[in-house]
Amino acid sequence: MTQVNDDQKAPETPGTTDEARARMRSAISKLMSMKREIEVAEDKTVDELMTELQLSSAPVLLEIGGEVFRPDEIGDKKLRKGDKVAVVPLIAGG
């Protein structure tokens, strides 16, 4: 599982320029600013939440308890009333 923090740094990879790292930090920051936090109103699974939000086929990541997942990785995970789930949309472009 991947731990994501708001101050996450761009990964260091061979040949990565400062400009590329700055672009990656900016992209991560934009994605995290677009996240929507939801408080679970009643016990349900991640799949049930995604269906309720009409996001079952949307390209998103979920942040639960500080860890980030693709919904298809944890569809049967039980969520409890009061749990906080952040929905982070995935964007693509070039």
PDB file of N, CA and C in Angstrom:
ATOM      1  N   MET A   1       0.829  -1.168   0.000  1.00  0.00           N
ATOM      2  CA  MET A   1       0.000   0.000   0.000  1.00  0.00           C
ATOM      3  C   MET A   1       0.883   1.245   0.000  1.00  0.00           C
ATOM      4  N   THR A   2       0.420   2.292  -0.610  1.00  0.00           N
ATOM      5  CA  THR A   2       1.203   3.505  -0.751  1.00  0.00           C
ATOM      6  C   THR A   2       0.724   4.555   0.233  1.00  0.00           C
ATOM      7  N   GLN A   3       1.632   5.096   0.998  1.00  0.00           N
ATOM      8  CA  GLN A   3       1.313   6.189   1.923  1.00  0.00           C
ATOM      9  C   GLN A   3       1.447   7.489   1.147  1.00  0.00           C
ATOM     10  N   VAL A   4       0.427   8.326   1.172  1.00  0.00           N
ATOM     11  CA  VAL A   4       0.462   9.598   0.459  1.00  0.00           C
ATOM     12  C   VAL A   4       0.290  10.720   1.454  1.00  0.00           C
ATOM     13  N   ASN A   5       1.162  11.675   1.406  1.00  0.00           N
ATOM     14  CA  ASN A   5       1.076  12.861   2.251  1.00  0.00           C
ATOM     15  C   ASN A   5       0.951  14.072   1.353  1.00  0.00           C
ATOM     16  N   ASP A   6       0.338  15.153   1.882  1.00  0.00           N
ATOM     17  CA  ASP A   6       0.194  16.370   1.088  1.00  0.00           C
ATOM     18  C   ASP A   6       1.544  16.929   0.663  1.00  0.00           C
ATOM     19  N   ASP A   7       2.587  16.661   1.450  1.00  0.00           N
ATOM     20  CA  ASP A   7       3.906  17.199   1.130  1.00  0.00           C
ATOM     21  C   ASP A   7       4.782  16.140   0.449  1.00  0.00           C
ATOM     22  N   GLN A   8       4.132  15.177  -0.197  1.00  0.00           N
ATOM     23  CA  GLN A   8       4.875  14.098  -0.858  1.00  0.00           C
ATOM     24  C   GLN A   8       5.827  14.678  -1.895  1.00  0.00           C
ATOM     25  N   LYS A   9       7.032  14.163  -1.882  1.00  0.00           N
ATOM     26  CA  LYS A   9       8.030  14.605  -2.834  1.00  0.00           C
ATOM     27  C   LYS A   9       7.975  13.749  -4.077  1.00  0.00           C
ATOM     28  N   ALA A  10       8.357  14.316  -5.207  1.00  0.00           N
ATOM     29  CA  ALA A  10       8.448  13.547  -6.443  1.00  0.00           C
ATOM     30  C   ALA A  10       9.541  12.503  -6.285  1.00  0.00           C
ATOM     31  N   PRO A  11       9.306  11.298  -6.810  1.00  0.00           N
ATOM     32  CA  PRO A  11      10.322  10.258  -6.656  1.00  0.00           C
ATOM     33  C   PRO A  11      11.613  10.611  -7.373  1.00  0.00           C
ATOM     34  N   GLU A  12      12.703  10.212  -6.770  1.00  0.00           N
ATOM     35  CA  GLU A  12      14.014  10.427  -7.374  1.00  0.00           C
ATOM     36  C   GLU A  12      14.293   9.278  -8.331  1.00  0.00           C
ATOM     37  N   THR A  13      14.428   9.579  -9.588  1.00  0.00           N
ATOM     38  CA  THR A  13      14.763   8.558 -10.569  1.00  0.00           C
ATOM     39  C   THR A  13      15.950   9.038 -11.374  1.00  0.00           C
ATOM     40  N   PRO A  14      16.767   8.106 -11.833  1.00  0.00           N
ATOM     41  CA  PRO A  14      17.942   8.513 -12.608  1.00  0.00           C
ATOM     42  C   PRO A  14      17.529   9.349 -13.814  1.00  0.00           C
ATOM     43  N   GLY A  15      18.215  10.432 -14.035  1.00  0.00           N
ATOM     44  CA  GLY A  15      17.965  11.288 -15.194  1.00  0.00           C
ATOM     45  C   GLY A  15      16.800  12.251 -15.014  1.00  0.00           C
ATOM     46  N   THR A  16      16.166  12.276 -13.858  1.00  0.00           N
ATOM     47  CA  THR A  16      15.058  13.191 -13.630  1.00  0.00           C
ATOM     48  C   THR A  16      15.608  14.586 -13.393  1.00  0.00           C
ATOM     49  N   THR A  17      15.105  15.527 -14.162  1.00  0.00           N
ATOM     50  CA  THR A  17      15.580  16.903 -14.024  1.00  0.00           C
ATOM     51  C   THR A  17      14.795  17.621 -12.931  1.00  0.00           C
ATOM     52  N   ASP A  18      15.344  18.725 -12.479  1.00  0.00           N
ATOM     53  CA  ASP A  18      14.637  19.533 -11.487  1.00  0.00           C
ATOM     54  C   ASP A  18      13.293  19.989 -12.040  1.00  0.00           C
ATOM     55  N   GLU A  19      13.273  20.334 -13.319  1.00  0.00           N
ATOM     56  CA  GLU A  19      12.030  20.785 -13.952  1.00  0.00           C
ATOM     57  C   GLU A  19      10.981  19.663 -13.940  1.00  0.00           C
ATOM     58  N   ALA A  20      11.390  18.439 -14.250  1.00  0.00           N
ATOM     59  CA  ALA A  20      10.466  17.301 -14.252  1.00  0.00           C
ATOM     60  C   ALA A  20       9.946  17.033 -12.843  1.00  0.00           C
ATOM     61  N   ARG A  21      10.828  17.116 -11.845  1.00  0.00           N
ATOM     62  CA  ARG A  21      10.389  16.924 -10.470  1.00  0.00           C
ATOM     63  C   ARG A  21       9.399  18.006 -10.058  1.00  0.00           C
ATOM     64  N   ALA A  22       9.639  19.225 -10.487  1.00  0.00           N
ATOM     65  CA  ALA A  22       8.727  20.329 -10.160  1.00  0.00           C
ATOM     66  C   ALA A  22       7.365  20.099 -10.813  1.00  0.00           C
ATOM     67  N   ARG A  23       7.348  19.612 -12.046  1.00  0.00           N
ATOM     68  CA  ARG A  23       6.081  19.317 -12.724  1.00  0.00           C
ATOM     69  C   ARG A  23       5.330  18.201 -11.997  1.00  0.00           C
ATOM     70  N   MET A  24       6.066  17.189 -11.552  1.00  0.00           N
ATOM     71  CA  MET A  24       5.431  16.080 -10.845  1.00  0.00           C
ATOM     72  C   MET A  24       4.857  16.559  -9.514  1.00  0.00           C
ATOM     73  N   ARG A  25       5.606  17.373  -8.773  1.00  0.00           N
ATOM     74  CA  ARG A  25       5.100  17.917  -7.507  1.00  0.00           C
ATOM     75  C   ARG A  25       3.837  18.735  -7.746  1.00  0.00           C
ATOM     76  N   SER A  26       3.843  19.525  -8.816  1.00  0.00           N
ATOM     77  CA  SER A  26       2.684  20.341  -9.151  1.00  0.00           C
ATOM     78  C   SER A  26       1.475  19.462  -9.487  1.00  0.00           C
ATOM     79  N   ALA A  27       1.701  18.395 -10.240  1.00  0.00           N
ATOM     80  CA  ALA A  27       0.609  17.487 -10.605  1.00  0.00           C
ATOM     81  C   ALA A  27       0.041  16.797  -9.367  1.00  0.00           C
ATOM     82  N   ILE A  28       0.914  16.344  -8.474  1.00  0.00           N
ATOM     83  CA  ILE A  28       0.463  15.700  -7.240  1.00  0.00           C
ATOM     84  C   ILE A  28      -0.344  16.687  -6.408  1.00  0.00           C
ATOM     85  N   SER A  29       0.132  17.903  -6.315  1.00  0.00           N
ATOM     86  CA  SER A  29      -0.549  18.932  -5.546  1.00  0.00           C
ATOM     87  C   SER A  29      -1.936  19.219  -6.133  1.00  0.00           C
ATOM     88  N   LYS A  30      -2.033  19.305  -7.469  1.00  0.00           N
ATOM     89  CA  LYS A  30      -3.324  19.551  -8.122  1.00  0.00           C
ATOM     90  C   LYS A  30      -4.288  18.406  -7.854  1.00  0.00           C
ATOM     91  N   LEU A  31      -3.802  17.171  -7.980  1.00  0.00           N
ATOM     92  CA  LEU A  31      -4.664  16.017  -7.731  1.00  0.00           C
ATOM     93  C   LEU A  31      -5.189  16.033  -6.301  1.00  0.00           C
ATOM     94  N   MET A  32      -4.315  16.276  -5.355  1.00  0.00           N
ATOM     95  CA  MET A  32      -4.725  16.255  -3.952  1.00  0.00           C
ATOM     96  C   MET A  32      -5.692  17.399  -3.650  1.00  0.00           C
ATOM     97  N   SER A  33      -5.589  18.514  -4.364  1.00  0.00           N
ATOM     98  CA  SER A  33      -6.511  19.631  -4.122  1.00  0.00           C
ATOM     99  C   SER A  33      -7.888  19.343  -4.711  1.00  0.00           C
ATOM    100  N   MET A  34      -7.976  18.383  -5.640  1.00  0.00           N
ATOM    101  CA  MET A  34      -9.254  18.034  -6.246  1.00  0.00           C
ATOM    102  C   MET A  34      -9.966  16.919  -5.476  1.00  0.00           C
ATOM    103  N   LYS A  35      -9.338  16.408  -4.430  1.00  0.00           N
ATOM    104  CA  LYS A  35      -9.957  15.299  -3.707  1.00  0.00           C
ATOM    105  C   LYS A  35     -11.197  15.771  -2.969  1.00  0.00           C
ATOM    106  N   ARG A  36     -12.116  14.860  -2.827  1.00  0.00           N
ATOM    107  CA  ARG A  36     -13.378  15.139  -2.151  1.00  0.00           C
ATOM    108  C   ARG A  36     -13.477  14.174  -0.982  1.00  0.00           C
ATOM    109  N   GLU A  37     -13.623  14.699   0.217  1.00  0.00           N
ATOM    110  CA  GLU A  37     -13.700  13.841   1.397  1.00  0.00           C
ATOM    111  C   GLU A  37     -15.154  13.556   1.730  1.00  0.00           C
ATOM    112  N   ILE A  38     -15.411  12.285   2.027  1.00  0.00           N
ATOM    113  CA  ILE A  38     -16.762  11.819   2.322  1.00  0.00           C
ATOM    114  C   ILE A  38     -16.742  11.128   3.678  1.00  0.00           C
ATOM    115  N   GLU A  39     -17.733  11.392   4.487  1.00  0.00           N
ATOM    116  CA  GLU A  39     -17.893  10.656   5.742  1.00  0.00           C
ATOM    117  C   GLU A  39     -18.948   9.584   5.493  1.00  0.00           C
ATOM    118  N   VAL A  40     -18.603   8.342   5.783  1.00  0.00           N
ATOM    119  CA  VAL A  40     -19.502   7.218   5.566  1.00  0.00           C
ATOM    120  C   VAL A  40     -20.659   7.310   6.555  1.00  0.00           C
ATOM    121  N   ALA A  41     -21.896   7.299   6.017  1.00  0.00           N
ATOM    122  CA  ALA A  41     -23.088   7.478   6.855  1.00  0.00           C
ATOM    123  C   ALA A  41     -23.549   6.186   7.521  1.00  0.00           C
ATOM    124  N   GLU A  42     -23.238   5.054   6.911  1.00  0.00           N
ATOM    125  CA  GLU A  42     -23.632   3.762   7.473  1.00  0.00           C
ATOM    126  C   GLU A  42     -22.651   2.701   6.999  1.00  0.00           C
ATOM    127  N   ASP A  43     -22.572   1.599   7.710  1.00  0.00           N
ATOM    128  CA  ASP A  43     -21.652   0.529   7.338  1.00  0.00           C
ATOM    129  C   ASP A  43     -21.943   0.062   5.917  1.00  0.00           C
ATOM    130  N   LYS A  44     -20.876  -0.109   5.125  1.00  0.00           N
ATOM    131  CA  LYS A  44     -21.005  -0.575   3.738  1.00  0.00           C
ATOM    132  C   LYS A  44     -19.637  -0.965   3.230  1.00  0.00           C
ATOM    133  N   THR A  45     -19.599  -1.577   2.070  1.00  0.00           N
ATOM    134  CA  THR A  45     -18.322  -1.911   1.446  1.00  0.00           C
ATOM    135  C   THR A  45     -17.912  -0.766   0.524  1.00  0.00           C
ATOM    136  N   VAL A  46     -16.657  -0.800   0.109  1.00  0.00           N
ATOM    137  CA  VAL A  46     -16.166   0.196  -0.847  1.00  0.00           C
ATOM    138  C   VAL A  46     -16.980   0.110  -2.136  1.00  0.00           C
ATOM    139  N   ASP A  47     -17.271  -1.106  -2.618  1.00  0.00           N
ATOM    140  CA  ASP A  47     -18.078  -1.254  -3.835  1.00  0.00           C
ATOM    141  C   ASP A  47     -19.442  -0.590  -3.685  1.00  0.00           C
ATOM    142  N   GLU A  48     -20.070  -0.767  -2.528  1.00  0.00           N
ATOM    143  CA  GLU A  48     -21.377  -0.151  -2.290  1.00  0.00           C
ATOM    144  C   GLU A  48     -21.270   1.371  -2.271  1.00  0.00           C
ATOM    145  N   LEU A  49     -20.213   1.893  -1.669  1.00  0.00           N
ATOM    146  CA  LEU A  49     -20.001   3.346  -1.650  1.00  0.00           C
ATOM    147  C   LEU A  49     -19.800   3.878  -3.068  1.00  0.00           C
ATOM    148  N   MET A  50     -18.987   3.190  -3.851  1.00  0.00           N
ATOM    149  CA  MET A  50     -18.720   3.638  -5.221  1.00  0.00           C
ATOM    150  C   MET A  50     -20.008   3.638  -6.057  1.00  0.00           C
ATOM    151  N   THR A  51     -20.845   2.634  -5.873  1.00  0.00           N
ATOM    152  CA  THR A  51     -22.126   2.574  -6.584  1.00  0.00           C
ATOM    153  C   THR A  51     -23.040   3.711  -6.118  1.00  0.00           C
ATOM    154  N   GLU A  52     -23.107   3.934  -4.808  1.00  0.00           N
ATOM    155  CA  GLU A  52     -23.927   5.007  -4.247  1.00  0.00           C
ATOM    156  C   GLU A  52     -23.511   6.372  -4.798  1.00  0.00           C
ATOM    157  N   LEU A  53     -22.209   6.580  -4.949  1.00  0.00           N
ATOM    158  CA  LEU A  53     -21.698   7.859  -5.460  1.00  0.00           C
ATOM    159  C   LEU A  53     -21.701   7.933  -6.980  1.00  0.00           C
ATOM    160  N   GLN A  54     -22.166   6.866  -7.631  1.00  0.00           N
ATOM    161  CA  GLN A  54     -22.187   6.750  -9.087  1.00  0.00           C
ATOM    162  C   GLN A  54     -20.784   6.919  -9.663  1.00  0.00           C
ATOM    163  N   LEU A  55     -19.809   6.305  -8.984  1.00  0.00           N
ATOM    164  CA  LEU A  55     -18.415   6.376  -9.393  1.00  0.00           C
ATOM    165  C   LEU A  55     -17.827   4.995  -9.699  1.00  0.00           C
ATOM    166  N   SER A  56     -18.706   3.982  -9.853  1.00  0.00           N
ATOM    167  CA  SER A  56     -18.198   2.615  -9.981  1.00  0.00           C
ATOM    168  C   SER A  56     -17.290   2.416 -11.182  1.00  0.00           C
ATOM    169  N   SER A  57     -17.411   3.238 -12.218  1.00  0.00           N
ATOM    170  CA  SER A  57     -16.518   3.092 -13.372  1.00  0.00           C
ATOM    171  C   SER A  57     -15.609   4.316 -13.563  1.00  0.00           C
ATOM    172  N   ALA A  58     -15.637   5.240 -12.614  1.00  0.00           N
ATOM    173  CA  ALA A  58     -14.832   6.460 -12.726  1.00  0.00           C
ATOM    174  C   ALA A  58     -13.368   6.172 -12.392  1.00  0.00           C
ATOM    175  N   PRO A  59     -12.451   6.840 -13.091  1.00  0.00           N
ATOM    176  CA  PRO A  59     -11.022   6.675 -12.778  1.00  0.00           C
ATOM    177  C   PRO A  59     -10.650   7.490 -11.543  1.00  0.00           C
ATOM    178  N   VAL A  60     -10.679   6.850 -10.387  1.00  0.00           N
ATOM    179  CA  VAL A  60     -10.383   7.528  -9.128  1.00  0.00           C
ATOM    180  C   VAL A  60      -9.476   6.667  -8.266  1.00  0.00           C
ATOM    181  N   LEU A  61      -8.886   7.315  -7.278  1.00  0.00           N
ATOM    182  CA  LEU A  61      -8.195   6.632  -6.189  1.00  0.00           C
ATOM    183  C   LEU A  61      -8.955   6.960  -4.919  1.00  0.00           C
ATOM    184  N   LEU A  62      -8.844   6.085  -3.939  1.00  0.00           N
ATOM    185  CA  LEU A  62      -9.467   6.330  -2.648  1.00  0.00           C
ATOM    186  C   LEU A  62      -8.386   6.423  -1.591  1.00  0.00           C
ATOM    187  N   GLU A  63      -8.508   7.407  -0.717  1.00  0.00           N
ATOM    188  CA  GLU A  63      -7.603   7.535   0.420  1.00  0.00           C
ATOM    189  C   GLU A  63      -8.401   7.183   1.668  1.00  0.00           C
ATOM    190  N   ILE A  64      -7.979   6.108   2.322  1.00  0.00           N
ATOM    191  CA  ILE A  64      -8.659   5.634   3.530  1.00  0.00           C
ATOM    192  C   ILE A  64      -7.595   5.427   4.592  1.00  0.00           C
ATOM    193  N   GLY A  65      -7.725   6.139   5.685  1.00  0.00           N
ATOM    194  CA  GLY A  65      -6.762   5.992   6.771  1.00  0.00           C
ATOM    195  C   GLY A  65      -5.338   6.324   6.364  1.00  0.00           C
ATOM    196  N   GLY A  66      -5.173   7.286   5.455  1.00  0.00           N
ATOM    197  CA  GLY A  66      -3.841   7.702   5.032  1.00  0.00           C
ATOM    198  C   GLY A  66      -3.218   6.821   3.962  1.00  0.00           C
ATOM    199  N   GLU A  67      -3.912   5.760   3.548  1.00  0.00           N
ATOM    200  CA  GLU A  67      -3.397   4.896   2.491  1.00  0.00           C
ATOM    201  C   GLU A  67      -4.238   5.095   1.238  1.00  0.00           C
ATOM    202  N   VAL A  68      -3.599   4.953   0.082  1.00  0.00           N
ATOM    203  CA  VAL A  68      -4.261   5.182  -1.191  1.00  0.00           C
ATOM    204  C   VAL A  68      -4.440   3.855  -1.921  1.00  0.00           C
ATOM    205  N   PHE A  69      -5.652   3.659  -2.460  1.00  0.00           N
ATOM    206  CA  PHE A  69      -5.999   2.425  -3.148  1.00  0.00           C
ATOM    207  C   PHE A  69      -6.771   2.726  -4.427  1.00  0.00           C
ATOM    208  N   ARG A  70      -6.694   1.798  -5.374  1.00  0.00           N
ATOM    209  CA  ARG A  70      -7.650   1.793  -6.486  1.00  0.00           C
ATOM    210  C   ARG A  70      -8.883   1.064  -5.948  1.00  0.00           C
ATOM    211  N   PRO A  71     -10.092   1.538  -6.280  1.00  0.00           N
ATOM    212  CA  PRO A  71     -11.300   0.891  -5.749  1.00  0.00           C
ATOM    213  C   PRO A  71     -11.369  -0.607  -6.057  1.00  0.00           C
ATOM    214  N   ASP A  72     -10.896  -1.021  -7.219  1.00  0.00           N
ATOM    215  CA  ASP A  72     -10.979  -2.441  -7.580  1.00  0.00           C
ATOM    216  C   ASP A  72     -10.052  -3.313  -6.735  1.00  0.00           C
ATOM    217  N   GLU A  73      -9.084  -2.704  -6.059  1.00  0.00           N
ATOM    218  CA  GLU A  73      -8.174  -3.455  -5.186  1.00  0.00           C
ATOM    219  C   GLU A  73      -8.831  -3.827  -3.858  1.00  0.00           C
ATOM    220  N   ILE A  74      -9.827  -3.033  -3.441  1.00  0.00           N
ATOM    221  CA  ILE A  74     -10.380  -3.200  -2.091  1.00  0.00           C
ATOM    222  C   ILE A  74     -11.902  -3.148  -2.080  1.00  0.00           C
ATOM    223  N   GLY A  75     -12.534  -3.565  -3.166  1.00  0.00           N
ATOM    224  CA  GLY A  75     -13.987  -3.461  -3.285  1.00  0.00           C
ATOM    225  C   GLY A  75     -14.762  -4.073  -2.142  1.00  0.00           C
ATOM    226  N   ASP A  76     -14.241  -5.158  -1.557  1.00  0.00           N
ATOM    227  CA  ASP A  76     -14.963  -5.819  -0.475  1.00  0.00           C
ATOM    228  C   ASP A  76     -14.566  -5.308   0.914  1.00  0.00           C
ATOM    229  N   LYS A  77     -13.698  -4.279   0.957  1.00  0.00           N
ATOM    230  CA  LYS A  77     -13.286  -3.699   2.246  1.00  0.00           C
ATOM    231  C   LYS A  77     -14.496  -3.089   2.943  1.00  0.00           C
ATOM    232  N   LYS A  78     -14.648  -3.396   4.201  1.00  0.00           N
ATOM    233  CA  LYS A  78     -15.763  -2.873   4.993  1.00  0.00           C
ATOM    234  C   LYS A  78     -15.429  -1.474   5.507  1.00  0.00           C
ATOM    235  N   LEU A  79     -16.360  -0.583   5.301  1.00  0.00           N
ATOM    236  CA  LEU A  79     -16.266   0.773   5.841  1.00  0.00           C
ATOM    237  C   LEU A  79     -17.300   0.881   6.960  1.00  0.00           C
ATOM    238  N   ARG A  80     -16.965   1.618   7.977  1.00  0.00           N
ATOM    239  CA  ARG A  80     -17.859   1.782   9.127  1.00  0.00           C
ATOM    240  C   ARG A  80     -18.417   3.206   9.159  1.00  0.00           C
ATOM    241  N   LYS A  81     -19.576   3.336   9.763  1.00  0.00           N
ATOM    242  CA  LYS A  81     -20.184   4.656   9.927  1.00  0.00           C
ATOM    243  C   LYS A  81     -19.161   5.584  10.563  1.00  0.00           C
ATOM    244  N   GLY A  82     -18.972   6.764   9.962  1.00  0.00           N
ATOM    245  CA  GLY A  82     -18.029   7.747  10.482  1.00  0.00           C
ATOM    246  C   GLY A  82     -16.656   7.696   9.834  1.00  0.00           C
ATOM    247  N   ASP A  83     -16.348   6.602   9.112  1.00  0.00           N
ATOM    248  CA  ASP A  83     -15.068   6.549   8.401  1.00  0.00           C
ATOM    249  C   ASP A  83     -14.994   7.686   7.398  1.00  0.00           C
ATOM    250  N   LYS A  84     -13.791   8.198   7.204  1.00  0.00           N
ATOM    251  CA  LYS A  84     -13.560   9.257   6.217  1.00  0.00           C
ATOM    252  C   LYS A  84     -12.884   8.632   5.005  1.00  0.00           C
ATOM    253  N   VAL A  85     -13.434   8.900   3.824  1.00  0.00           N
ATOM    254  CA  VAL A  85     -12.884   8.396   2.570  1.00  0.00           C
ATOM    255  C   VAL A  85     -12.700   9.594   1.650  1.00  0.00           C
ATOM    256  N   ALA A  86     -11.482   9.755   1.155  1.00  0.00           N
ATOM    257  CA  ALA A  86     -11.222  10.825   0.196  1.00  0.00           C
ATOM    258  C   ALA A  86     -11.195  10.216  -1.196  1.00  0.00           C
ATOM    259  N   VAL A  87     -11.925  10.823  -2.110  1.00  0.00           N
ATOM    260  CA  VAL A  87     -11.964  10.393  -3.504  1.00  0.00           C
ATOM    261  C   VAL A  87     -11.093  11.342  -4.304  1.00  0.00           C
ATOM    262  N   VAL A  88     -10.083  10.781  -4.951  1.00  0.00           N
ATOM    263  CA  VAL A  88      -9.129  11.579  -5.731  1.00  0.00           C
ATOM    264  C   VAL A  88      -9.299  11.211  -7.195  1.00  0.00           C
ATOM    265  N   PRO A  89      -9.788  12.146  -8.034  1.00  0.00           N
ATOM    266  CA  PRO A  89      -9.960  11.831  -9.449  1.00  0.00           C
ATOM    267  C   PRO A  89      -8.609  11.684 -10.144  1.00  0.00           C
ATOM    268  N   LEU A  90      -8.559  10.756 -11.095  1.00  0.00           N
ATOM    269  CA  LEU A  90      -7.354  10.596 -11.908  1.00  0.00           C
ATOM    270  C   LEU A  90      -7.591  11.352 -13.211  1.00  0.00           C
ATOM    271  N   ILE A  91      -6.570  12.050 -13.639  1.00  0.00           N
ATOM    272  CA  ILE A  91      -6.663  12.788 -14.888  1.00  0.00           C
ATOM    273  C   ILE A  91      -5.527  12.376 -15.785  1.00  0.00           C
ATOM    274  N   ALA A  92      -5.750  12.490 -17.060  1.00  0.00           N
ATOM    275  CA  ALA A  92      -4.702  12.151 -18.030  1.00  0.00           C
ATOM    276  C   ALA A  92      -4.642  13.274 -19.056  1.00  0.00           C
ATOM    277  N   GLY A  93      -3.555  13.374 -19.672  1.00  0.00           N
ATOM    278  CA  GLY A  93      -3.395  14.404 -20.690  1.00  0.00           C
ATOM    279  C   GLY A  93      -1.962  14.448 -21.149  1.00  0.00           C
ATOM    280  N   GLY A  94      -1.716  15.310 -22.025  1.00  0.00           N
ATOM    281  CA  GLY A  94      -0.345  15.337 -22.506  1.00  0.00           C
ATOM    282  C   GLY A  94       0.068  16.618 -23.089  1.00  0.00           C
TER     283      GLY A  94
END
